[in-house]
Amino acid sequence: MKTMMIDGPPRTDDIYPIDILLMKLTNYKILKLKFRTGDWLDNTITKIIDTEGGKTCCYIKNPNGKGIPIVVLHGGPGFSSDPILSNLLGIKSPMYFYDQFGCGGSDKFDDIDKYSVETFVNQLEDVIVENKLDTVILLGMCWGAGLATAYA
């Protein structure tokens, strides 16, 4: 496990659609300051989990926080996780963000048939089990909400 910090502003190739939406919904100057200081990734652990389907990149925000852990399921398919969401929402519970297969730092498949609801449900289960989470709140956005429903 290692802690990941970003010291400078994001390059344009680092900006995902969710970042653009967040910049539009919030005061961009505040976000710009957070990118400049790197504080938006403070208290975040990045780790790679060997799951059944492949390697999964997981970000744990507020690992020692109080409350029921929240597992965030990003949209897409195709988006990546964005731990800055926890800062914008002011959530102090432990939050687990992970890149679903084909996204961000997780493995990508050459065989398109491997991208199935079953594959993503199994990956979610592996993330929960590997992080030793007994009870979780699933927070799904767009496709992530459908994945949460399929998992339930």
Protein backbone atom coordinates (compact mmCIF):
# COMPACT_ATOMS: atom_id res chain seq x y z
CA MET A 1 0.00 0.00 0.00
CA LYS A 2 1.15 3.53 -0.66
CA THR A 3 -0.20 7.01 -0.23
CA MET A 4 -0.64 8.93 -3.46
CA MET A 5 -0.29 12.70 -3.56
CA ILE A 6 -0.72 15.06 -6.49
CA ASP A 7 1.23 18.29 -6.09
CA GLY A 8 0.22 20.28 -9.15
CA PRO A 9 -2.91 21.22 -11.03
CA PRO A 10 -4.40 18.49 -13.21
CA ARG A 11 -3.31 18.30 -16.82
CA THR A 12 -6.10 18.26 -19.37
CA ASP A 13 -5.49 14.55 -20.03
CA ASP A 14 -6.11 13.89 -16.31
CA ILE A 15 -9.59 15.44 -16.34
CA TYR A 16 -12.48 13.01 -16.57
CA PRO A 17 -16.10 14.01 -17.32
CA ILE A 18 -16.96 13.84 -13.60
CA ASP A 19 -14.23 16.40 -12.91
CA ILE A 20 -15.72 18.77 -15.46
CA LEU A 21 -19.18 18.32 -13.91
CA LEU A 22 -17.80 18.94 -10.40
CA MET A 23 -16.03 22.05 -11.64
CA LYS A 24 -19.29 23.35 -13.07
CA LEU A 25 -21.30 22.52 -9.92
CA THR A 26 -18.79 23.99 -7.48
CA ASN A 27 -16.61 27.02 -7.26
CA TYR A 28 -13.72 26.14 -9.56
CA LYS A 29 -11.39 28.45 -7.63
CA ILE A 30 -11.84 26.27 -4.54
CA LEU A 31 -11.11 23.13 -6.57
CA LYS A 32 -8.12 24.83 -8.18
CA LEU A 33 -6.73 25.64 -4.74
CA LYS A 34 -7.25 22.03 -3.63
CA PHE A 35 -5.41 20.74 -6.71
CA ARG A 36 -2.60 23.20 -6.09
CA THR A 37 -2.11 22.24 -2.44
CA GLY A 38 -2.73 18.51 -2.88
CA ASP A 39 -4.95 18.46 0.22
CA TRP A 40 -7.82 16.78 -1.61
CA LEU A 41 -5.88 13.51 -1.48
CA ASP A 42 -4.74 13.91 2.13
CA ASN A 43 -5.72 10.93 4.23
CA THR A 44 -6.10 8.73 1.12
CA ILE A 45 -4.50 5.32 0.68
CA THR A 46 -4.09 3.82 -2.78
CA LYS A 47 -3.71 0.07 -3.12
CA ILE A 48 -3.92 -2.57 -5.81
CA ILE A 49 -6.10 -5.57 -4.98
CA ASP A 50 -5.71 -8.91 -6.74
CA THR A 51 -9.31 -9.82 -7.47
CA GLU A 52 -10.72 -12.86 -9.24
CA GLY A 53 -10.94 -11.01 -12.56
CA GLY A 54 -7.64 -9.13 -12.34
CA LYS A 55 -5.96 -6.23 -10.60
CA THR A 56 -8.24 -3.56 -9.12
CA CYS A 57 -7.04 -0.09 -8.14
CA CYS A 58 -8.68 1.00 -4.88
CA TYR A 59 -8.55 4.37 -3.09
CA ILE A 60 -9.46 4.52 0.58
CA LYS A 61 -10.40 7.97 1.83
CA ASN A 62 -10.63 8.54 5.60
CA PRO A 63 -9.43 4.99 6.42
CA ASN A 64 -9.77 5.64 10.16
CA GLY A 65 -13.05 7.54 9.89
CA LYS A 66 -16.09 6.76 12.03
CA GLY A 67 -19.33 5.39 10.66
CA ILE A 68 -20.43 2.74 8.21
CA PRO A 69 -17.96 2.44 5.31
CA ILE A 70 -19.19 3.77 1.98
CA VAL A 71 -18.23 1.98 -1.24
CA VAL A 72 -18.52 4.38 -4.19
CA LEU A 73 -19.44 2.88 -7.57
CA HIS A 74 -18.50 5.23 -10.38
CA GLY A 75 -20.53 5.80 -13.49
CA GLY A 76 -19.85 4.91 -17.04
CA PRO A 77 -18.94 2.32 -17.76
CA GLY A 78 -15.77 4.12 -18.60
CA PHE A 79 -15.35 6.72 -15.87
CA SER A 80 -12.81 6.35 -13.09
CA SER A 81 -13.05 6.83 -9.35
CA ASP A 82 -12.59 10.32 -7.96
CA PRO A 83 -11.81 10.57 -4.22
CA ILE A 84 -12.30 14.37 -4.36
CA LEU A 85 -16.03 13.59 -4.09
CA SER A 86 -15.63 12.91 -0.37
CA ASN A 87 -14.21 16.42 0.19
CA LEU A 88 -17.06 18.05 -1.71
CA LEU A 89 -19.67 16.08 0.24
CA GLY A 90 -17.92 16.55 3.59
CA ILE A 91 -18.23 12.84 4.43
CA LYS A 92 -16.06 11.66 7.32
CA SER A 93 -16.88 7.93 7.12
CA PRO A 94 -14.32 5.64 5.50
CA MET A 95 -14.91 5.76 1.75
CA TYR A 96 -13.76 3.11 -0.70
CA PHE A 97 -13.42 4.19 -4.32
CA TYR A 98 -12.23 1.70 -6.90
CA ASP A 99 -11.72 1.69 -10.63
CA GLN A 100 -13.91 -0.89 -12.28
CA PHE A 101 -12.29 -3.14 -14.87
CA GLY A 102 -11.41 -1.23 -18.02
CA CYS A 103 -11.12 2.07 -16.13
CA GLY A 104 -8.38 4.06 -14.43
CA GLY A 105 -5.72 1.95 -12.75
CA SER A 106 -7.56 -1.39 -12.93
CA ASP A 107 -6.93 -4.13 -15.49
CA LYS A 108 -8.34 -3.80 -18.98
CA PHE A 109 -9.57 -6.80 -20.99
CA ASP A 110 -8.84 -7.49 -24.64
CA ASP A 111 -11.92 -9.72 -24.82
CA ILE A 112 -14.98 -7.44 -24.77
CA ASP A 113 -17.18 -10.34 -23.60
CA LYS A 114 -15.45 -10.23 -20.20
CA TYR A 115 -17.17 -6.89 -19.53
CA SER A 116 -20.43 -8.15 -18.06
CA VAL A 117 -22.64 -7.29 -15.10
CA GLU A 118 -21.54 -10.56 -13.48
CA THR A 119 -17.86 -9.57 -13.82
CA PHE A 120 -18.49 -6.18 -12.21
CA VAL A 121 -20.62 -7.67 -9.41
CA ASN A 122 -17.83 -10.17 -8.66
CA GLN A 123 -15.26 -7.37 -8.65
CA LEU A 124 -17.38 -5.36 -6.19
CA GLU A 125 -17.69 -8.42 -3.92
CA ASP A 126 -13.92 -8.94 -4.07
CA VAL A 127 -13.29 -5.29 -3.12
CA ILE A 128 -15.63 -5.60 -0.11
CA VAL A 129 -14.12 -8.92 1.02
CA GLU A 130 -10.48 -7.87 0.48
CA ASN A 131 -11.03 -4.73 2.56
CA LYS A 132 -12.73 -6.81 5.30
CA LEU A 133 -15.94 -4.76 5.23
CA ASP A 134 -18.89 -6.38 6.99
CA THR A 135 -21.56 -3.74 6.47
CA VAL A 136 -21.35 -1.11 3.73
CA ILE A 137 -23.34 1.66 2.15
CA LEU A 138 -23.21 1.47 -1.65
CA LEU A 139 -23.17 4.88 -3.32
CA GLY A 140 -23.68 4.43 -7.05
CA MET A 141 -23.73 7.09 -9.73
CA CYS A 142 -25.32 6.41 -13.12
CA TRP A 143 -24.06 2.92 -14.13
CA GLY A 144 -22.82 2.53 -10.52
CA ALA A 145 -26.43 2.69 -9.27
CA GLY A 146 -27.34 -0.17 -11.60
CA LEU A 147 -24.33 -2.12 -10.37
CA ALA A 148 -25.41 -1.55 -6.75
CA THR A 149 -28.87 -2.88 -7.61
CA ALA A 150 -27.40 -5.94 -9.35
CA TYR A 151 -25.17 -6.59 -6.32
CA ALA A 152 -28.07 -6.33 -3.86
